[in-house]
Amino acid sequence: MLTDEDREVLRVFLASRGNMKDLERHLGVSYPTARARFDTLLTKLGIERAPAPASPSRLELMEQVARGEIDIDEALRRLEPTREA
């Protein structure tokens, strides 16, 4: 059963033709949070996402920034090596 929030995420995602940046702006959250909410929705719908691809190259990240898929802060975060606690 989908919650009202789930239905809103789905409505905005479909209305924006799958644009995650529009979903992010509408929800007023960061890109990773919007992505997590969408992934949760997919799981509830029984749709499994493909495993995450290997870390993108610097060029791929720059192209994503140019297309507006991610912002500069997100690109920089993805470039940082994973830090062990």
Protein backbone atom coordinates (compact mmCIF):
# COMPACT_ATOMS: atom_id res chain seq x y z
CA MET A 1 0.00 0.00 0.00
CA LEU A 2 1.39 3.39 -0.96
CA THR A 3 1.35 6.29 1.46
CA ASP A 4 0.22 9.77 0.44
CA GLU A 5 3.90 10.76 0.30
CA ASP A 6 4.67 7.82 -2.00
CA ARG A 7 1.85 8.84 -4.33
CA GLU A 8 3.11 12.44 -4.37
CA VAL A 9 6.65 11.30 -5.23
CA LEU A 10 5.26 9.19 -8.07
CA ARG A 11 2.99 12.01 -9.32
CA VAL A 12 5.81 14.57 -9.39
CA PHE A 13 8.25 12.11 -10.95
CA LEU A 14 5.83 11.25 -13.75
CA ALA A 15 4.75 14.88 -14.29
CA SER A 16 8.39 15.92 -14.64
CA ARG A 17 9.01 13.07 -17.09
CA GLY A 18 11.48 11.38 -14.77
CA ASN A 19 13.57 14.44 -13.95
CA MET A 20 15.13 13.77 -10.53
CA LYS A 21 16.21 17.42 -10.16
CA ASP A 22 12.55 18.47 -10.46
CA LEU A 23 11.63 15.89 -7.85
CA GLU A 24 14.39 17.19 -5.60
CA ARG A 25 13.16 20.79 -5.95
CA HIS A 26 9.51 19.87 -5.41
CA LEU A 27 10.27 17.87 -2.26
CA GLY A 28 12.69 20.53 -0.99
CA VAL A 29 15.36 17.94 -0.20
CA SER A 30 18.85 17.07 -1.41
CA TYR A 31 19.37 14.95 -4.52
CA PRO A 32 20.43 11.87 -2.49
CA THR A 33 17.30 12.18 -0.31
CA ALA A 34 15.04 12.51 -3.36
CA ARG A 35 16.76 9.52 -4.92
CA ALA A 36 16.34 7.48 -1.73
CA ARG A 37 12.62 8.29 -1.58
CA PHE A 38 12.22 7.28 -5.21
CA ASP A 39 14.16 4.05 -4.61
CA THR A 40 11.90 3.28 -1.63
CA LEU A 41 8.88 3.81 -3.87
CA LEU A 42 10.30 1.44 -6.48
CA THR A 43 10.83 -1.21 -3.81
CA LYS A 44 7.24 -0.83 -2.60
CA LEU A 45 6.06 -1.25 -6.18
CA GLY A 46 8.14 -4.41 -6.50
CA ILE A 47 10.54 -2.86 -8.99
CA GLU A 48 14.15 -3.59 -8.23
CA ARG A 49 16.80 -1.15 -9.37
CA ALA A 50 19.81 -2.48 -11.18
CA PRO A 51 22.96 -2.51 -9.04
CA ALA A 52 24.74 0.81 -8.93
CA PRO A 53 27.37 1.10 -11.63
CA ALA A 54 31.01 1.62 -10.76
CA SER A 55 31.98 5.10 -9.64
CA PRO A 56 31.67 7.52 -12.54
CA SER A 57 34.76 9.11 -14.00
CA ARG A 58 35.48 12.81 -13.64
CA LEU A 59 34.28 13.32 -17.22
CA GLU A 60 31.00 11.51 -16.55
CA LEU A 61 30.44 13.63 -13.44
CA MET A 62 31.12 16.84 -15.38
CA GLU A 63 28.62 15.73 -18.04
CA GLN A 64 25.99 15.04 -15.34
CA VAL A 65 26.56 18.53 -13.91
CA ALA A 66 26.25 20.04 -17.41
CA ARG A 67 22.94 18.22 -17.97
CA GLY A 68 21.66 19.40 -14.58
CA GLU A 69 21.35 15.86 -13.22
CA ILE A 70 23.56 16.65 -10.22
CA ASP A 71 24.95 19.84 -8.76
CA ILE A 72 28.62 20.67 -8.24
CA ASP A 73 28.53 19.80 -4.54
CA GLU A 74 27.18 16.33 -5.35
CA ALA A 75 29.86 15.83 -8.02
CA LEU A 76 32.58 16.79 -5.54
CA ARG A 77 31.10 14.47 -2.91
CA ARG A 78 31.21 11.58 -5.37
CA LEU A 79 34.85 12.31 -6.17
CA GLU A 80 35.93 12.08 -2.52
CA PRO A 81 37.37 8.70 -1.54
CA THR A 82 35.23 6.70 0.85
CA ARG A 83 36.32 7.39 4.37
CA GLU A 84 36.35 4.63 6.94
CA ALA A 85 35.05 5.59 10.40
